[in-house]
Amino acid sequence: MNIPYWQLQDAKKKFSEVVERALKQGPQLITRHGEKAVVVMSYKEYAQMKKSQTKLSEFFRATPLSKIDIILKRDKSLPRKDEKL
């Protein structure tokens, strides 16, 4: 995804334009001292992104594999000796 970017000083001067483009075109990246700093995006897009996130524990509970009894045993054999390449 190629996000349009703005230098911080330009984004401050043209904040209304940054917001308008975020609403119409999608996220806008703002850099500070040449480093990626923040993203301006529409609230609708942000809410959709947050909604799609699931806790890892919920993901594992929802997987069909959670219904299977799996017995995990640790391999107690000694580690391999270092091999020279």
C-alpha atoms as a PDB file:
ATOM      1  CA  MET A   1       0.000   0.000   0.000  1.00  0.00           C
ATOM      2  CA  ASN A   2       1.491   3.300  -1.077  1.00  0.00           C
ATOM      3  CA  ILE A   3       0.345   5.907   1.472  1.00  0.00           C
ATOM      4  CA  PRO A   4       0.781   9.576   0.513  1.00  0.00           C
ATOM      5  CA  TYR A   5       3.082  11.321   2.961  1.00  0.00           C
ATOM      6  CA  TRP A   6       3.460  14.838   4.271  1.00  0.00           C
ATOM      7  CA  GLN A   7       6.311  16.475   6.114  1.00  0.00           C
ATOM      8  CA  LEU A   8       5.113  17.710   9.499  1.00  0.00           C
ATOM      9  CA  GLN A   9       5.580  21.408   8.710  1.00  0.00           C
ATOM     10  CA  ASP A  10       3.536  21.023   5.484  1.00  0.00           C
ATOM     11  CA  ALA A  11       0.844  19.018   7.272  1.00  0.00           C
ATOM     12  CA  LYS A  12       0.512  21.786   9.889  1.00  0.00           C
ATOM     13  CA  LYS A  13       0.124  24.456   7.214  1.00  0.00           C
ATOM     14  CA  LYS A  14      -2.383  22.406   5.219  1.00  0.00           C
ATOM     15  CA  PHE A  15      -4.115  20.461   7.983  1.00  0.00           C
ATOM     16  CA  SER A  16      -7.583  20.908   6.454  1.00  0.00           C
ATOM     17  CA  GLU A  17      -6.296  19.483   3.168  1.00  0.00           C
ATOM     18  CA  VAL A  18      -4.649  16.540   4.961  1.00  0.00           C
ATOM     19  CA  VAL A  19      -7.950  15.749   6.693  1.00  0.00           C
ATOM     20  CA  GLU A  20      -9.962  16.143   3.471  1.00  0.00           C
ATOM     21  CA  ARG A  21      -7.620  13.794   1.609  1.00  0.00           C
ATOM     22  CA  ALA A  22      -7.779  11.285   4.460  1.00  0.00           C
ATOM     23  CA  LEU A  23     -11.567  11.300   4.157  1.00  0.00           C
ATOM     24  CA  LYS A  24     -11.610  11.001   0.362  1.00  0.00           C
ATOM     25  CA  GLN A  25      -8.409   9.148  -0.569  1.00  0.00           C
ATOM     26  CA  GLY A  26      -7.464   7.164   2.530  1.00  0.00           C
ATOM     27  CA  PRO A  27      -4.739   7.348   5.189  1.00  0.00           C
ATOM     28  CA  GLN A  28      -2.138  10.123   5.047  1.00  0.00           C
ATOM     29  CA  LEU A  29       1.318   9.530   6.533  1.00  0.00           C
ATOM     30  CA  ILE A  30       3.052  12.381   8.347  1.00  0.00           C
ATOM     31  CA  THR A  31       6.813  12.353   8.807  1.00  0.00           C
ATOM     32  CA  ARG A  32       8.918  14.212  11.352  1.00  0.00           C
ATOM     33  CA  HIS A  33      12.651  14.687  10.776  1.00  0.00           C
ATOM     34  CA  GLY A  34      12.390  12.259   7.850  1.00  0.00           C
ATOM     35  CA  GLU A  35      10.964   9.462  10.025  1.00  0.00           C
ATOM     36  CA  LYS A  36       7.433   8.056   9.825  1.00  0.00           C
ATOM     37  CA  ALA A  37       5.550   9.579  12.757  1.00  0.00           C
ATOM     38  CA  VAL A  38       1.747   9.359  12.511  1.00  0.00           C
ATOM     39  CA  VAL A  39      -1.102   8.492  10.178  1.00  0.00           C
ATOM     40  CA  VAL A  40      -4.213  10.613   9.689  1.00  0.00           C
ATOM     41  CA  MET A  41      -7.208   8.512   8.674  1.00  0.00           C
ATOM     42  CA  SER A  42     -10.987   8.757   8.692  1.00  0.00           C
ATOM     43  CA  TYR A  43     -12.754   7.644  11.843  1.00  0.00           C
ATOM     44  CA  LYS A  44     -14.835   5.208   9.784  1.00  0.00           C
ATOM     45  CA  GLU A  45     -11.675   3.501   8.505  1.00  0.00           C
ATOM     46  CA  TYR A  46     -10.151   3.475  12.006  1.00  0.00           C
ATOM     47  CA  ALA A  47     -13.302   1.954  13.544  1.00  0.00           C
ATOM     48  CA  GLN A  48     -13.374  -0.765  10.873  1.00  0.00           C
ATOM     49  CA  MET A  49      -9.717  -1.560  11.508  1.00  0.00           C
ATOM     50  CA  LYS A  50     -10.251  -1.788  15.288  1.00  0.00           C
ATOM     51  CA  LYS A  51     -13.370  -3.923  14.814  1.00  0.00           C
ATOM     52  CA  SER A  52     -11.463  -6.487  12.768  1.00  0.00           C
ATOM     53  CA  GLN A  53      -8.854  -6.998  15.494  1.00  0.00           C
ATOM     54  CA  THR A  54      -9.341 -10.031  17.694  1.00  0.00           C
ATOM     55  CA  LYS A  55      -7.540 -10.964  20.876  1.00  0.00           C
ATOM     56  CA  LEU A  56      -5.169 -13.868  20.325  1.00  0.00           C
ATOM     57  CA  SER A  57      -6.845 -15.857  23.100  1.00  0.00           C
ATOM     58  CA  GLU A  58     -10.252 -15.415  21.413  1.00  0.00           C
ATOM     59  CA  PHE A  59      -8.778 -16.523  18.103  1.00  0.00           C
ATOM     60  CA  PHE A  60      -7.465 -19.747  19.629  1.00  0.00           C
ATOM     61  CA  ARG A  61     -10.775 -20.420  21.405  1.00  0.00           C
ATOM     62  CA  ALA A  62     -12.663 -20.015  18.118  1.00  0.00           C
ATOM     63  CA  THR A  63     -10.468 -22.338  16.070  1.00  0.00           C
ATOM     64  CA  PRO A  64     -11.844 -25.837  15.343  1.00  0.00           C
ATOM     65  CA  LEU A  65      -8.623 -27.271  16.760  1.00  0.00           C
ATOM     66  CA  SER A  66      -9.642 -26.102  20.224  1.00  0.00           C
ATOM     67  CA  LYS A  67     -12.096 -29.026  20.362  1.00  0.00           C
ATOM     68  CA  ILE A  68      -9.364 -31.630  19.813  1.00  0.00           C
ATOM     69  CA  ASP A  69      -7.512 -33.134  22.757  1.00  0.00           C
ATOM     70  CA  ILE A  70      -3.862 -32.752  21.867  1.00  0.00           C
ATOM     71  CA  ILE A  71      -1.247 -34.273  24.128  1.00  0.00           C
ATOM     72  CA  LEU A  72       1.990 -32.404  23.811  1.00  0.00           C
ATOM     73  CA  LYS A  73       5.109 -34.090  25.094  1.00  0.00           C
ATOM     74  CA  ARG A  74       8.479 -32.491  25.165  1.00  0.00           C
ATOM     75  CA  ASP A  75      11.298 -34.211  23.310  1.00  0.00           C
ATOM     76  CA  LYS A  76      13.837 -34.932  26.043  1.00  0.00           C
ATOM     77  CA  SER A  77      16.618 -36.134  23.769  1.00  0.00           C
ATOM     78  CA  LEU A  78      19.939 -34.328  23.972  1.00  0.00           C
ATOM     79  CA  PRO A  79      20.496 -31.432  21.595  1.00  0.00           C
ATOM     80  CA  ARG A  80      22.485 -32.020  18.416  1.00  0.00           C
ATOM     81  CA  LYS A  81      26.187 -31.317  18.500  1.00  0.00           C
ATOM     82  CA  ASP A  82      27.305 -28.246  16.587  1.00  0.00           C
ATOM     83  CA  GLU A  83      27.935 -29.088  12.970  1.00  0.00           C
ATOM     84  CA  LYS A  84      30.713 -27.355  11.080  1.00  0.00           C
ATOM     85  CA  LEU A  85      29.777 -26.191   7.627  1.00  0.00           C
END
